[in-house]
Amino acid sequence: MKLTHPLSISLMAGGLAAAATFVLSAFAQNGPSSVAANENLETAIFAGGCFWCVESDFDKLDGVLETVSGYTGGATTNPTYKTHTKQGHLEAVKVVYDSSKVEYGELVDYFIRHIDPTDDGGQFCDRGNSYRTAVFVNNAEERAEVEAQFATIENAGILPAPIVTRVLEETAFYDAEGYHQNYYQKNPARYKLYRVGCGRDKRVAEVWSGAGAS
């Protein structure tokens, strides 16, 4: 049996003590801030046509931490890409954000200005109920914020037609299949081809040109 020298034991003990002190110090410095950051996390759900595009748009906004493509608004559970339309679900995106960096009202304003809120039959080249636009709210304050913003835009007369984007109560949100998540990052060439071909950005620019009704 090999005996450990007393000096080695002393050095090991000192090293462990120093490591423990470092860890505790780091926790004391970083722990509260991490908890505070977690307390600022909020979620919001928006339906703006193709969820690939909505996800891509929101990922560019400062304060947004995560986006998830999914299905919501229908009466059935566990919808899939193949079944969600018949089940009454909309393509939507759940936005996880830091409320200390971006407010809910800013998310709503950003969303509405990246869609065609005057189209009740879908969005751009994607037609049908599952592509209709909506803001899903989970309390009276959020509803009031959305409705106030919509009223302000309507009164300004900058859109060519009335806003038809619905304000709906938040219901169960079901994550879409993995291949839909971050599609614009996984398949950049195909995504760009789709987005340009669908005319999304061109139409948004036309709708929000400020010309109002012709």
N, C-alpha and C. Protein backbone atom coordinates (compact mmCIF):
# COMPACT_ATOMS: atom_id res chain seq x y z
N MET A 1 0.85 -1.20 0.00
CA MET A 1 0.00 0.00 0.00
C MET A 1 0.88 1.24 0.00
N LYS A 2 0.58 2.17 -0.89
CA LYS A 2 1.39 3.38 -1.01
C LYS A 2 0.84 4.46 -0.09
N LEU A 3 1.69 5.02 0.76
CA LEU A 3 1.28 6.06 1.68
C LEU A 3 1.42 7.44 1.03
N THR A 4 0.46 8.31 1.29
CA THR A 4 0.51 9.67 0.74
C THR A 4 1.25 10.57 1.70
N HIS A 5 2.16 11.34 1.18
CA HIS A 5 2.96 12.24 2.02
C HIS A 5 2.05 13.30 2.64
N PRO A 6 2.27 13.65 3.93
CA PRO A 6 1.45 14.68 4.60
C PRO A 6 1.38 15.99 3.84
N LEU A 7 2.51 16.37 3.18
CA LEU A 7 2.52 17.63 2.43
C LEU A 7 1.55 17.57 1.26
N SER A 8 1.48 16.40 0.61
CA SER A 8 0.56 16.24 -0.51
C SER A 8 -0.88 16.37 -0.06
N ILE A 9 -1.16 15.76 1.12
CA ILE A 9 -2.53 15.86 1.66
C ILE A 9 -2.88 17.30 1.94
N SER A 10 -1.93 18.04 2.51
CA SER A 10 -2.17 19.44 2.84
C SER A 10 -2.45 20.27 1.59
N LEU A 11 -1.67 20.00 0.53
CA LEU A 11 -1.86 20.75 -0.72
C LEU A 11 -3.20 20.43 -1.36
N MET A 12 -3.57 19.14 -1.31
CA MET A 12 -4.85 18.74 -1.88
C MET A 12 -6.00 19.40 -1.14
N ALA A 13 -5.91 19.41 0.19
CA ALA A 13 -6.97 20.02 0.99
C ALA A 13 -7.08 21.50 0.69
N GLY A 14 -5.91 22.14 0.56
CA GLY A 14 -5.92 23.56 0.25
C GLY A 14 -6.52 23.85 -1.10
N GLY A 15 -6.21 22.98 -2.07
CA GLY A 15 -6.77 23.15 -3.41
C GLY A 15 -8.27 23.00 -3.44
N LEU A 16 -8.77 21.99 -2.72
CA LEU A 16 -10.22 21.78 -2.66
C LEU A 16 -10.92 22.95 -2.00
N ALA A 17 -10.31 23.46 -0.93
CA ALA A 17 -10.90 24.59 -0.23
C ALA A 17 -10.97 25.81 -1.13
N ALA A 18 -9.88 26.03 -1.89
CA ALA A 18 -9.86 27.17 -2.80
C ALA A 18 -10.91 27.03 -3.89
N ALA A 19 -11.05 25.79 -4.41
CA ALA A 19 -12.05 25.55 -5.45
C ALA A 19 -13.45 25.79 -4.93
N ALA A 20 -13.70 25.32 -3.71
CA ALA A 20 -15.02 25.51 -3.11
C ALA A 20 -15.32 26.98 -2.93
N THR A 21 -14.30 27.73 -2.47
CA THR A 21 -14.48 29.17 -2.27
C THR A 21 -14.80 29.86 -3.59
N PHE A 22 -14.11 29.44 -4.67
CA PHE A 22 -14.35 30.03 -6.00
C PHE A 22 -15.77 29.77 -6.47
N VAL A 23 -16.23 28.52 -6.31
CA VAL A 23 -17.58 28.16 -6.75
C VAL A 23 -18.63 28.95 -5.99
N LEU A 24 -18.46 29.03 -4.65
CA LEU A 24 -19.42 29.78 -3.85
C LEU A 24 -19.42 31.25 -4.22
N SER A 25 -18.22 31.79 -4.48
CA SER A 25 -18.12 33.19 -4.87
C SER A 25 -18.81 33.44 -6.19
N ALA A 26 -18.61 32.52 -7.15
CA ALA A 26 -19.24 32.65 -8.46
C ALA A 26 -20.75 32.58 -8.35
N PHE A 27 -21.23 31.67 -7.49
CA PHE A 27 -22.68 31.56 -7.31
C PHE A 27 -23.25 32.82 -6.71
N ALA A 28 -22.49 33.38 -5.72
CA ALA A 28 -22.97 34.60 -5.07
C ALA A 28 -23.08 35.74 -6.06
N GLN A 29 -22.14 35.76 -7.06
CA GLN A 29 -22.15 36.85 -8.03
C GLN A 29 -23.16 36.61 -9.15
N ASN A 30 -23.24 35.36 -9.62
CA ASN A 30 -24.05 35.07 -10.80
C ASN A 30 -25.44 34.53 -10.48
N GLY A 31 -25.57 33.92 -9.31
CA GLY A 31 -26.84 33.30 -8.97
C GLY A 31 -28.02 34.25 -9.01
N PRO A 32 -27.98 35.35 -8.23
CA PRO A 32 -29.11 36.27 -8.21
C PRO A 32 -29.45 36.85 -9.57
N SER A 33 -28.40 37.19 -10.37
CA SER A 33 -28.68 37.79 -11.68
C SER A 33 -29.36 36.79 -12.59
N SER A 34 -28.95 35.49 -12.49
CA SER A 34 -29.58 34.47 -13.31
C SER A 34 -31.03 34.30 -12.94
N VAL A 35 -31.29 34.30 -11.62
CA VAL A 35 -32.67 34.18 -11.16
C VAL A 35 -33.48 35.36 -11.64
N ALA A 36 -32.88 36.57 -11.53
CA ALA A 36 -33.59 37.77 -11.97
C ALA A 36 -33.91 37.70 -13.45
N ALA A 37 -32.94 37.19 -14.23
CA ALA A 37 -33.16 37.07 -15.67
C ALA A 37 -34.30 36.10 -15.95
N ASN A 38 -34.34 34.99 -15.23
CA ASN A 38 -35.40 34.01 -15.41
C ASN A 38 -36.76 34.60 -15.06
N GLU A 39 -36.79 35.46 -14.07
CA GLU A 39 -38.05 36.07 -13.67
C GLU A 39 -38.58 37.01 -14.75
N ASN A 40 -37.72 37.44 -15.65
CA ASN A 40 -38.13 38.34 -16.72
C ASN A 40 -38.60 37.61 -17.97
N LEU A 41 -38.52 36.29 -17.98
CA LEU A 41 -38.92 35.54 -19.15
C LEU A 41 -40.43 35.51 -19.29
N GLU A 42 -40.90 35.84 -20.48
CA GLU A 42 -42.33 35.81 -20.80
C GLU A 42 -42.50 35.13 -22.16
N THR A 43 -43.72 34.72 -22.44
CA THR A 43 -44.00 34.12 -23.75
C THR A 43 -45.18 34.84 -24.41
N ALA A 44 -45.17 34.84 -25.71
CA ALA A 44 -46.27 35.40 -26.50
C ALA A 44 -46.43 34.54 -27.74
N ILE A 45 -47.66 34.45 -28.24
CA ILE A 45 -47.93 33.59 -29.39
C ILE A 45 -48.57 34.42 -30.51
N PHE A 46 -48.00 34.28 -31.70
CA PHE A 46 -48.47 35.03 -32.87
C PHE A 46 -48.64 34.09 -34.06
N ALA A 47 -49.71 34.30 -34.81
CA ALA A 47 -49.93 33.57 -36.06
C ALA A 47 -49.84 34.58 -37.19
N GLY A 48 -48.88 34.38 -38.08
CA GLY A 48 -48.66 35.34 -39.16
C GLY A 48 -48.41 34.68 -40.49
N GLY A 49 -49.15 33.61 -40.76
CA GLY A 49 -48.90 32.87 -41.98
C GLY A 49 -47.83 31.82 -41.75
N CYS A 50 -47.00 31.59 -42.73
CA CYS A 50 -45.94 30.58 -42.63
C CYS A 50 -45.08 30.78 -41.39
N PHE A 51 -45.04 29.77 -40.52
CA PHE A 51 -44.29 29.95 -39.28
C PHE A 51 -42.78 30.02 -39.49
N TRP A 52 -42.28 29.51 -40.61
CA TRP A 52 -40.85 29.67 -40.90
C TRP A 52 -40.48 31.16 -40.92
N CYS A 53 -41.33 31.95 -41.58
CA CYS A 53 -41.04 33.37 -41.76
C CYS A 53 -41.23 34.16 -40.47
N VAL A 54 -42.28 33.84 -39.74
CA VAL A 54 -42.53 34.53 -38.47
C VAL A 54 -41.39 34.27 -37.50
N GLU A 55 -40.94 33.03 -37.47
CA GLU A 55 -39.82 32.66 -36.60
C GLU A 55 -38.56 33.43 -37.00
N SER A 56 -38.28 33.48 -38.28
CA SER A 56 -37.11 34.19 -38.78
C SER A 56 -37.17 35.67 -38.43
N ASP A 57 -38.33 36.28 -38.59
CA ASP A 57 -38.48 37.71 -38.29
C ASP A 57 -38.24 38.00 -36.81
N PHE A 58 -38.87 37.22 -35.93
CA PHE A 58 -38.75 37.49 -34.50
C PHE A 58 -37.34 37.21 -33.98
N ASP A 59 -36.63 36.29 -34.59
CA ASP A 59 -35.27 36.01 -34.14
C ASP A 59 -34.34 37.20 -34.35
N LYS A 60 -34.74 38.15 -35.16
CA LYS A 60 -33.93 39.34 -35.41
C LYS A 60 -34.17 40.43 -34.37
N LEU A 61 -35.20 40.29 -33.55
CA LEU A 61 -35.58 41.33 -32.60
C LEU A 61 -34.81 41.19 -31.29
N ASP A 62 -34.16 42.25 -30.87
CA ASP A 62 -33.41 42.24 -29.62
C ASP A 62 -34.34 41.97 -28.44
N GLY A 63 -33.94 41.09 -27.56
CA GLY A 63 -34.75 40.73 -26.41
C GLY A 63 -35.50 39.43 -26.58
N VAL A 64 -35.61 38.96 -27.81
CA VAL A 64 -36.23 37.66 -28.07
C VAL A 64 -35.16 36.59 -27.87
N LEU A 65 -35.46 35.63 -27.01
CA LEU A 65 -34.49 34.60 -26.65
C LEU A 65 -34.69 33.29 -27.40
N GLU A 66 -35.93 33.01 -27.76
CA GLU A 66 -36.21 31.75 -28.44
C GLU A 66 -37.53 31.86 -29.20
N THR A 67 -37.62 31.17 -30.31
CA THR A 67 -38.87 31.07 -31.06
C THR A 67 -39.14 29.60 -31.37
N VAL A 68 -40.41 29.23 -31.31
CA VAL A 68 -40.80 27.84 -31.56
C VAL A 68 -41.97 27.83 -32.53
N SER A 69 -41.83 27.15 -33.64
CA SER A 69 -42.93 26.99 -34.59
C SER A 69 -43.90 25.94 -34.06
N GLY A 70 -45.20 26.18 -34.28
CA GLY A 70 -46.17 25.21 -33.80
C GLY A 70 -47.56 25.45 -34.31
N TYR A 71 -48.51 24.80 -33.67
CA TYR A 71 -49.92 24.85 -34.06
C TYR A 71 -50.75 25.21 -32.84
N THR A 72 -51.78 26.04 -33.04
CA THR A 72 -52.64 26.42 -31.94
C THR A 72 -53.96 26.95 -32.47
N GLY A 73 -54.93 27.06 -31.57
CA GLY A 73 -56.22 27.65 -31.93
C GLY A 73 -57.30 26.66 -32.30
N GLY A 74 -56.94 25.39 -32.47
CA GLY A 74 -57.93 24.38 -32.84
C GLY A 74 -58.54 23.70 -31.62
N ALA A 75 -59.49 22.82 -31.89
CA ALA A 75 -60.20 22.15 -30.80
C ALA A 75 -59.64 20.78 -30.47
N THR A 76 -58.72 20.28 -31.27
CA THR A 76 -58.19 18.93 -31.06
C THR A 76 -56.78 18.99 -30.48
N THR A 77 -56.33 17.86 -29.95
CA THR A 77 -55.00 17.79 -29.37
C THR A 77 -54.00 17.16 -30.33
N ASN A 78 -52.75 17.46 -30.09
CA ASN A 78 -51.63 16.86 -30.82
C ASN A 78 -51.76 16.95 -32.35
N PRO A 79 -51.96 18.14 -32.88
CA PRO A 79 -52.03 18.29 -34.34
C PRO A 79 -50.65 18.06 -34.96
N THR A 80 -50.64 17.72 -36.22
CA THR A 80 -49.40 17.56 -36.98
C THR A 80 -49.48 18.45 -38.21
N TYR A 81 -48.39 18.50 -38.96
CA TYR A 81 -48.40 19.32 -40.17
C TYR A 81 -49.45 18.82 -41.16
N LYS A 82 -49.68 17.51 -41.17
CA LYS A 82 -50.64 16.93 -42.11
C LYS A 82 -52.08 17.11 -41.65
N THR A 83 -52.29 17.23 -40.34
CA THR A 83 -53.67 17.25 -39.82
C THR A 83 -54.14 18.60 -39.29
N HIS A 84 -53.22 19.54 -39.04
CA HIS A 84 -53.61 20.74 -38.30
C HIS A 84 -54.65 21.59 -39.02
N THR A 85 -54.62 21.62 -40.34
CA THR A 85 -55.58 22.43 -41.08
C THR A 85 -57.00 21.93 -40.87
N LYS A 86 -57.21 20.64 -41.03
CA LYS A 86 -58.54 20.06 -40.84
C LYS A 86 -59.00 20.17 -39.39
N GLN A 87 -58.06 20.26 -38.47
CA GLN A 87 -58.38 20.33 -37.05
C GLN A 87 -58.60 21.76 -36.56
N GLY A 88 -58.52 22.72 -37.47
CA GLY A 88 -58.80 24.11 -37.12
C GLY A 88 -57.66 24.87 -36.48
N HIS A 89 -56.46 24.34 -36.55
CA HIS A 89 -55.31 25.02 -35.95
C HIS A 89 -54.67 25.99 -36.94
N LEU A 90 -54.01 26.99 -36.39
CA LEU A 90 -53.24 27.93 -37.19
C LEU A 90 -51.76 27.62 -37.05
N GLU A 91 -51.00 27.91 -38.09
CA GLU A 91 -49.55 27.91 -37.93
C GLU A 91 -49.21 29.13 -37.08
N ALA A 92 -48.42 28.92 -36.05
CA ALA A 92 -48.11 30.01 -35.13
C ALA A 92 -46.70 29.87 -34.59
N VAL A 93 -46.24 30.91 -33.91
CA VAL A 93 -44.91 30.89 -33.31
C VAL A 93 -45.00 31.36 -31.86
N LYS A 94 -44.41 30.57 -30.99
CA LYS A 94 -44.30 30.97 -29.58
C LYS A 94 -42.99 31.72 -29.40
N VAL A 95 -43.09 32.93 -28.90
CA VAL A 95 -41.92 33.78 -28.72
C VAL A 95 -41.58 33.86 -27.24
N VAL A 96 -40.38 33.46 -26.89
CA VAL A 96 -39.88 33.57 -25.52
C VAL A 96 -38.99 34.81 -25.48
N TYR A 97 -39.31 35.75 -24.58
CA TYR A 97 -38.58 37.01 -24.58
C TYR A 97 -38.25 37.48 -23.17
N ASP A 98 -37.27 38.35 -23.10
CA ASP A 98 -36.85 38.97 -21.85
C ASP A 98 -37.59 40.30 -21.72
N SER A 99 -38.54 40.35 -20.81
CA SER A 99 -39.39 41.55 -20.70
C SER A 99 -38.64 42.77 -20.19
N SER A 100 -37.41 42.57 -19.70
CA SER A 100 -36.60 43.72 -19.29
C SER A 100 -35.90 44.36 -20.48
N LYS A 101 -35.91 43.66 -21.62
CA LYS A 101 -35.26 44.17 -22.83
C LYS A 101 -36.26 44.55 -23.92
N VAL A 102 -37.38 43.88 -23.96
CA VAL A 102 -38.39 44.19 -24.96
C VAL A 102 -39.77 44.00 -24.33
N GLU A 103 -40.63 44.97 -24.50
CA GLU A 103 -41.96 44.90 -23.89
C GLU A 103 -42.95 44.20 -24.82
N TYR A 104 -44.03 43.72 -24.21
CA TYR A 104 -45.05 43.01 -24.98
C TYR A 104 -45.58 43.89 -26.11
N GLY A 105 -45.82 45.15 -25.81
CA GLY A 105 -46.33 46.06 -26.82
C GLY A 105 -45.40 46.20 -28.02
N GLU A 106 -44.10 46.14 -27.77
CA GLU A 106 -43.14 46.20 -28.87
C GLU A 106 -43.21 44.96 -29.74
N LEU A 107 -43.45 43.81 -29.11
CA LEU A 107 -43.61 42.57 -29.88
C LEU A 107 -44.82 42.67 -30.80
N VAL A 108 -45.92 43.19 -30.27
CA VAL A 108 -47.14 43.32 -31.05
C VAL A 108 -46.91 44.25 -32.24
N ASP A 109 -46.28 45.39 -31.98
CA ASP A 109 -46.01 46.35 -33.06
C ASP A 109 -45.10 45.74 -34.12
N TYR A 110 -44.08 45.03 -33.69
CA TYR A 110 -43.15 44.38 -34.61
C TYR A 110 -43.87 43.34 -35.45
N PHE A 111 -44.70 42.55 -34.80
CA PHE A 111 -45.44 41.50 -35.51
C PHE A 111 -46.36 42.07 -36.58
N ILE A 112 -47.18 43.04 -36.19
CA ILE A 112 -48.20 43.56 -37.11
C ILE A 112 -47.56 44.21 -38.33
N ARG A 113 -46.36 44.76 -38.16
CA ARG A 113 -45.67 45.42 -39.27
C ARG A 113 -44.84 44.47 -40.13
N HIS A 114 -44.90 43.19 -39.79
CA HIS A 114 -44.22 42.18 -40.61
C HIS A 114 -45.20 41.20 -41.25
N ILE A 115 -46.49 41.56 -41.24
CA ILE A 115 -47.51 40.76 -41.90
C ILE A 115 -48.41 41.68 -42.71
N ASP A 116 -49.35 41.09 -43.42
CA ASP A 116 -50.42 41.85 -44.07
C ASP A 116 -51.67 41.67 -43.22
N PRO A 117 -51.94 42.61 -42.30
CA PRO A 117 -53.07 42.47 -41.39
C PRO A 117 -54.42 42.72 -42.03
N THR A 118 -54.41 43.02 -43.33
CA THR A 118 -55.68 43.29 -44.04
C THR A 118 -56.17 42.08 -44.82
N ASP A 119 -55.42 40.99 -44.78
CA ASP A 119 -55.75 39.79 -45.56
C ASP A 119 -56.42 38.75 -44.67
N ASP A 120 -57.68 38.45 -44.95
CA ASP A 120 -58.43 37.51 -44.12
C ASP A 120 -58.44 36.10 -44.70
N GLY A 121 -57.75 35.89 -45.83
CA GLY A 121 -57.79 34.58 -46.47
C GLY A 121 -56.50 33.81 -46.39
N GLY A 122 -55.55 34.31 -45.59
CA GLY A 122 -54.25 33.68 -45.48
C GLY A 122 -53.17 34.74 -45.49
N GLN A 123 -51.99 34.40 -45.93
CA GLN A 123 -50.90 35.36 -46.02
C GLN A 123 -50.09 35.10 -47.29
N PHE A 124 -50.07 36.13 -48.15
CA PHE A 124 -49.24 36.09 -49.35
C PHE A 124 -49.62 34.90 -50.22
N CYS A 125 -48.68 34.03 -50.56
CA CYS A 125 -49.02 32.91 -51.45
C CYS A 125 -49.67 31.75 -50.70
N ASP A 126 -49.67 31.79 -49.39
CA ASP A 126 -50.26 30.71 -48.58
C ASP A 126 -51.70 31.06 -48.25
N ARG A 127 -52.63 30.28 -48.77
CA ARG A 127 -54.04 30.58 -48.63
C ARG A 127 -54.72 29.53 -47.74
N GLY A 128 -55.78 29.94 -47.09
CA GLY A 128 -56.53 29.02 -46.25
C GLY A 128 -56.54 29.45 -44.79
N ASN A 129 -57.46 28.87 -44.03
CA ASN A 129 -57.66 29.27 -42.64
C ASN A 129 -56.42 29.09 -41.76
N SER A 130 -55.63 28.07 -42.04
CA SER A 130 -54.47 27.81 -41.17
C SER A 130 -53.39 28.87 -41.31
N TYR A 131 -53.51 29.72 -42.33
CA TYR A 131 -52.53 30.78 -42.54
C TYR A 131 -53.09 32.16 -42.17
N ARG A 132 -54.27 32.20 -41.59
CA ARG A 132 -54.82 33.49 -41.17
C ARG A 132 -54.02 34.03 -39.98
N THR A 133 -54.09 35.33 -39.80
CA THR A 133 -53.29 35.97 -38.76
C THR A 133 -54.07 36.14 -37.47
N ALA A 134 -53.33 36.09 -36.36
CA ALA A 134 -53.95 36.26 -35.04
C ALA A 134 -52.89 36.56 -34.00
N VAL A 135 -53.32 37.28 -32.97
CA VAL A 135 -52.50 37.47 -31.78
C VAL A 135 -53.23 36.74 -30.65
N PHE A 136 -52.54 35.85 -29.99
CA PHE A 136 -53.14 35.09 -28.89
C PHE A 136 -52.76 35.74 -27.56
N VAL A 137 -53.76 36.14 -26.81
CA VAL A 137 -53.53 36.85 -25.54
C VAL A 137 -53.92 35.95 -24.37
N ASN A 138 -53.26 36.16 -23.23
CA ASN A 138 -53.60 35.34 -22.06
C ASN A 138 -54.07 36.14 -20.87
N ASN A 139 -54.31 37.45 -21.06
CA ASN A 139 -54.90 38.25 -19.99
C ASN A 139 -55.51 39.52 -20.57
N ALA A 140 -56.26 40.23 -19.72
CA ALA A 140 -56.97 41.43 -20.17
C ALA A 140 -56.00 42.54 -20.58
N GLU A 141 -54.87 42.62 -19.90
CA GLU A 141 -53.90 43.66 -20.21
C GLU A 141 -53.33 43.48 -21.62
N GLU A 142 -53.02 42.25 -21.98
CA GLU A 142 -52.50 42.00 -23.32
C GLU A 142 -53.55 42.31 -24.38
N ARG A 143 -54.79 41.91 -24.12
CA ARG A 143 -55.87 42.21 -25.08
C ARG A 143 -56.01 43.72 -25.27
N ALA A 144 -55.99 44.45 -24.17
CA ALA A 144 -56.14 45.90 -24.25
C ALA A 144 -54.99 46.53 -25.05
N GLU A 145 -53.79 46.02 -24.85
CA GLU A 145 -52.62 46.53 -25.58
C GLU A 145 -52.76 46.29 -27.08
N VAL A 146 -53.15 45.09 -27.45
CA VAL A 146 -53.29 44.75 -28.87
C VAL A 146 -54.39 45.59 -29.50
N GLU A 147 -55.54 45.65 -28.86
CA GLU A 147 -56.67 46.39 -29.42
C GLU A 147 -56.37 47.87 -29.53
N ALA A 148 -55.62 48.42 -28.56
CA ALA A 148 -55.26 49.83 -28.61
C ALA A 148 -54.32 50.11 -29.78
N GLN A 149 -53.36 49.22 -30.00
CA GLN A 149 -52.45 49.40 -31.13
C GLN A 149 -53.18 49.30 -32.46
N PHE A 150 -54.07 48.34 -32.55
CA PHE A 150 -54.84 48.19 -33.79
C PHE A 150 -55.68 49.44 -34.05
N ALA A 151 -56.29 49.98 -33.01
CA ALA A 151 -57.12 51.17 -33.16
C ALA A 151 -56.28 52.37 -33.61
N THR A 152 -55.10 52.50 -33.05
CA THR A 152 -54.21 53.60 -33.43
C THR A 152 -53.84 53.53 -34.91
N ILE A 153 -53.52 52.32 -35.36
CA ILE A 153 -53.15 52.12 -36.77
C ILE A 153 -54.35 52.41 -37.67
N GLU A 154 -55.51 51.92 -37.29
CA GLU A 154 -56.73 52.15 -38.08
C GLU A 154 -57.01 53.64 -38.19
N ASN A 155 -56.91 54.34 -37.07
CA ASN A 155 -57.22 55.77 -37.06
C ASN A 155 -56.21 56.58 -37.87
N ALA A 156 -55.00 56.06 -37.99
CA ALA A 156 -53.97 56.78 -38.76
C ALA A 156 -54.22 56.68 -40.25
N GLY A 157 -55.02 55.71 -40.67
CA GLY A 157 -55.36 55.58 -42.08
C GLY A 157 -54.20 55.21 -42.98
N ILE A 158 -53.24 54.47 -42.45
CA ILE A 158 -52.05 54.15 -43.24
C ILE A 158 -52.16 52.83 -43.99
N LEU A 159 -53.19 52.05 -43.68
CA LEU A 159 -53.37 50.76 -44.34
C LEU A 159 -54.40 50.87 -45.46
N PRO A 160 -54.30 50.03 -46.48
CA PRO A 160 -55.23 50.10 -47.60
C PRO A 160 -56.61 49.52 -47.30
N ALA A 161 -56.75 48.84 -46.17
CA ALA A 161 -58.02 48.21 -45.80
C ALA A 161 -58.03 48.00 -44.29
N PRO A 162 -59.18 47.68 -43.72
CA PRO A 162 -59.26 47.46 -42.27
C PRO A 162 -58.41 46.28 -41.80
N ILE A 163 -57.99 46.32 -40.56
CA ILE A 163 -57.26 45.21 -39.95
C ILE A 163 -58.23 44.06 -39.68
N VAL A 164 -57.85 42.88 -40.13
CA VAL A 164 -58.69 41.69 -39.90
C VAL A 164 -57.96 40.66 -39.04
N THR A 165 -56.76 40.98 -38.61
CA THR A 165 -56.02 40.09 -37.70
C THR A 165 -56.83 39.92 -36.43
N ARG A 166 -57.06 38.69 -36.04
CA ARG A 166 -57.90 38.42 -34.88
C ARG A 166 -57.11 38.49 -33.57
N VAL A 167 -57.83 38.82 -32.51
CA VAL A 167 -57.27 38.79 -31.15
C VAL A 167 -57.99 37.67 -30.43
N LEU A 168 -57.28 36.59 -30.14
CA LEU A 168 -57.89 35.38 -29.61
C LEU A 168 -57.30 35.01 -28.25
N GLU A 169 -58.10 34.32 -27.46
CA GLU A 169 -57.61 33.82 -26.18
C GLU A 169 -56.59 32.71 -26.43
N GLU A 170 -55.52 32.76 -25.66
CA GLU A 170 -54.47 31.76 -25.81
C GLU A 170 -54.99 30.38 -25.42
N THR A 171 -54.68 29.40 -26.26
CA THR A 171 -55.04 28.02 -25.98
C THR A 171 -53.78 27.17 -26.05
N ALA A 172 -53.94 25.87 -25.94
CA ALA A 172 -52.77 24.98 -25.95
C ALA A 172 -51.95 25.17 -27.22
N PHE A 173 -50.65 25.23 -27.04
CA PHE A 173 -49.72 25.38 -28.16
C PHE A 173 -48.96 24.08 -28.33
N TYR A 174 -48.93 23.57 -29.56
CA TYR A 174 -48.27 22.31 -29.84
C TYR A 174 -47.06 22.56 -30.75
N ASP A 175 -45.89 22.17 -30.28
CA ASP A 175 -44.68 22.36 -31.09
C ASP A 175 -44.80 21.61 -32.42
N ALA A 176 -44.36 22.25 -33.47
CA ALA A 176 -44.34 21.60 -34.78
C ALA A 176 -43.19 20.59 -34.83
N GLU A 177 -43.18 19.80 -35.87
CA GLU A 177 -42.15 18.79 -36.05
C GLU A 177 -40.76 19.43 -36.11
N GLY A 178 -39.77 18.64 -35.73
CA GLY A 178 -38.41 19.15 -35.63
C GLY A 178 -37.88 19.79 -36.91
N TYR A 179 -38.26 19.24 -38.05
CA TYR A 179 -37.72 19.79 -39.30
C TYR A 179 -38.26 21.18 -39.62
N HIS A 180 -39.33 21.59 -38.92
CA HIS A 180 -39.85 22.94 -39.12
C HIS A 180 -39.12 23.97 -38.25
N GLN A 181 -38.52 23.53 -37.17
CA GLN A 181 -37.87 24.46 -36.25
C GLN A 181 -36.60 25.05 -36.87
N ASN A 182 -36.50 26.38 -36.80
CA ASN A 182 -35.33 27.07 -37.36
C ASN A 182 -35.08 26.68 -38.82
N TYR A 183 -36.16 26.54 -39.56
CA TYR A 183 -36.03 26.09 -40.95
C TYR A 183 -35.15 27.03 -41.76
N TYR A 184 -35.27 28.32 -41.49
CA TYR A 184 -34.51 29.30 -42.27
C TYR A 184 -33.00 29.15 -42.05
N GLN A 185 -32.62 28.59 -40.91
CA GLN A 185 -31.20 28.36 -40.64
C GLN A 185 -30.73 27.03 -41.21
N LYS A 186 -31.59 26.02 -41.13
CA LYS A 186 -31.21 24.69 -41.60
C LYS A 186 -31.20 24.60 -43.13
N ASN A 187 -32.10 25.35 -43.77
CA ASN A 187 -32.23 25.29 -45.23
C ASN A 187 -32.28 26.70 -45.81
N PRO A 188 -31.20 27.47 -45.67
CA PRO A 188 -31.22 28.88 -46.07
C PRO A 188 -31.57 29.12 -47.53
N ALA A 189 -31.06 28.30 -48.43
CA ALA A 189 -31.32 28.51 -49.86
C ALA A 189 -32.79 28.26 -50.18
N ARG A 190 -33.33 27.16 -49.70
CA ARG A 190 -34.74 26.84 -49.95
C ARG A 190 -35.65 27.87 -49.29
N TYR A 191 -35.27 28.29 -48.09
CA TYR A 191 -36.08 29.28 -47.38
C TYR A 191 -36.12 30.59 -48.15
N LYS A 192 -34.97 31.06 -48.60
CA LYS A 192 -34.93 32.32 -49.36
C LYS A 192 -35.74 32.22 -50.63
N LEU A 193 -35.63 31.09 -51.32
CA LEU A 193 -36.39 30.89 -52.55
C LEU A 193 -37.88 30.94 -52.28
N TYR A 194 -38.30 30.29 -51.18
CA TYR A 194 -39.72 30.30 -50.82
C TYR A 194 -40.18 31.71 -50.47
N ARG A 195 -39.43 32.38 -49.62
CA ARG A 195 -39.86 33.70 -49.14
C ARG A 195 -39.98 34.70 -50.28
N VAL A 196 -38.99 34.72 -51.15
CA VAL A 196 -39.03 35.63 -52.30
C VAL A 196 -40.15 35.25 -53.24
N GLY A 197 -40.27 33.96 -53.54
CA GLY A 197 -41.30 33.49 -54.45
C GLY A 197 -42.71 33.74 -53.95
N CYS A 198 -42.86 33.71 -52.63
CA CYS A 198 -44.18 33.93 -52.03
C CYS A 198 -44.55 35.41 -52.00
N GLY A 199 -43.57 36.28 -52.20
CA GLY A 199 -43.85 37.71 -52.25
C GLY A 199 -44.11 38.36 -50.91
N ARG A 200 -43.63 37.73 -49.84
CA ARG A 200 -43.94 38.23 -48.50
C ARG A 200 -43.42 39.64 -48.27
N ASP A 201 -42.13 39.85 -48.45
CA ASP A 201 -41.54 41.15 -48.15
C ASP A 201 -42.05 42.25 -49.09
N LYS A 202 -42.27 41.90 -50.34
CA LYS A 202 -42.79 42.88 -51.29
C LYS A 202 -44.17 43.35 -50.89
N ARG A 203 -45.03 42.41 -50.50
CA ARG A 203 -46.39 42.76 -50.11
C ARG A 203 -46.41 43.55 -48.81
N VAL A 204 -45.58 43.15 -47.85
CA VAL A 204 -45.52 43.89 -46.59
C VAL A 204 -45.12 45.34 -46.84
N ALA A 205 -44.15 45.54 -47.72
CA ALA A 205 -43.71 46.90 -48.04
C ALA A 205 -44.84 47.70 -48.68
N GLU A 206 -45.63 47.06 -49.52
CA GLU A 206 -46.75 47.74 -50.17
C GLU A 206 -47.82 48.11 -49.15
N VAL A 207 -48.17 47.16 -48.29
CA VAL A 207 -49.23 47.39 -47.31
C VAL A 207 -48.86 48.51 -46.34
N TRP A 208 -47.58 48.53 -45.95
CA TRP A 208 -47.14 49.50 -44.95
C TRP A 208 -46.44 50.71 -45.58
N SER A 209 -46.75 51.00 -46.82
CA SER A 209 -46.14 52.15 -47.49
C SER A 209 -46.66 53.48 -46.96
N GLY A 210 -47.79 53.42 -46.25
CA GLY A 210 -48.36 54.63 -45.68
C GLY A 210 -49.31 55.35 -46.60
N ALA A 211 -49.57 54.77 -47.76
CA ALA A 211 -50.44 55.42 -48.75
C ALA A 211 -51.90 55.35 -48.35
N GLY A 212 -52.25 54.36 -47.52
CA GLY A 212 -53.65 54.21 -47.14
C GLY A 212 -54.47 53.64 -48.27
N ALA A 213 -55.80 53.73 -48.13
CA ALA A 213 -56.70 53.19 -49.14
C ALA A 213 -56.64 54.03 -50.41
N SER A 214 -56.62 53.36 -51.54
CA SER A 214 -56.56 54.08 -52.82
C SER A 214 -57.95 54.43 -53.31
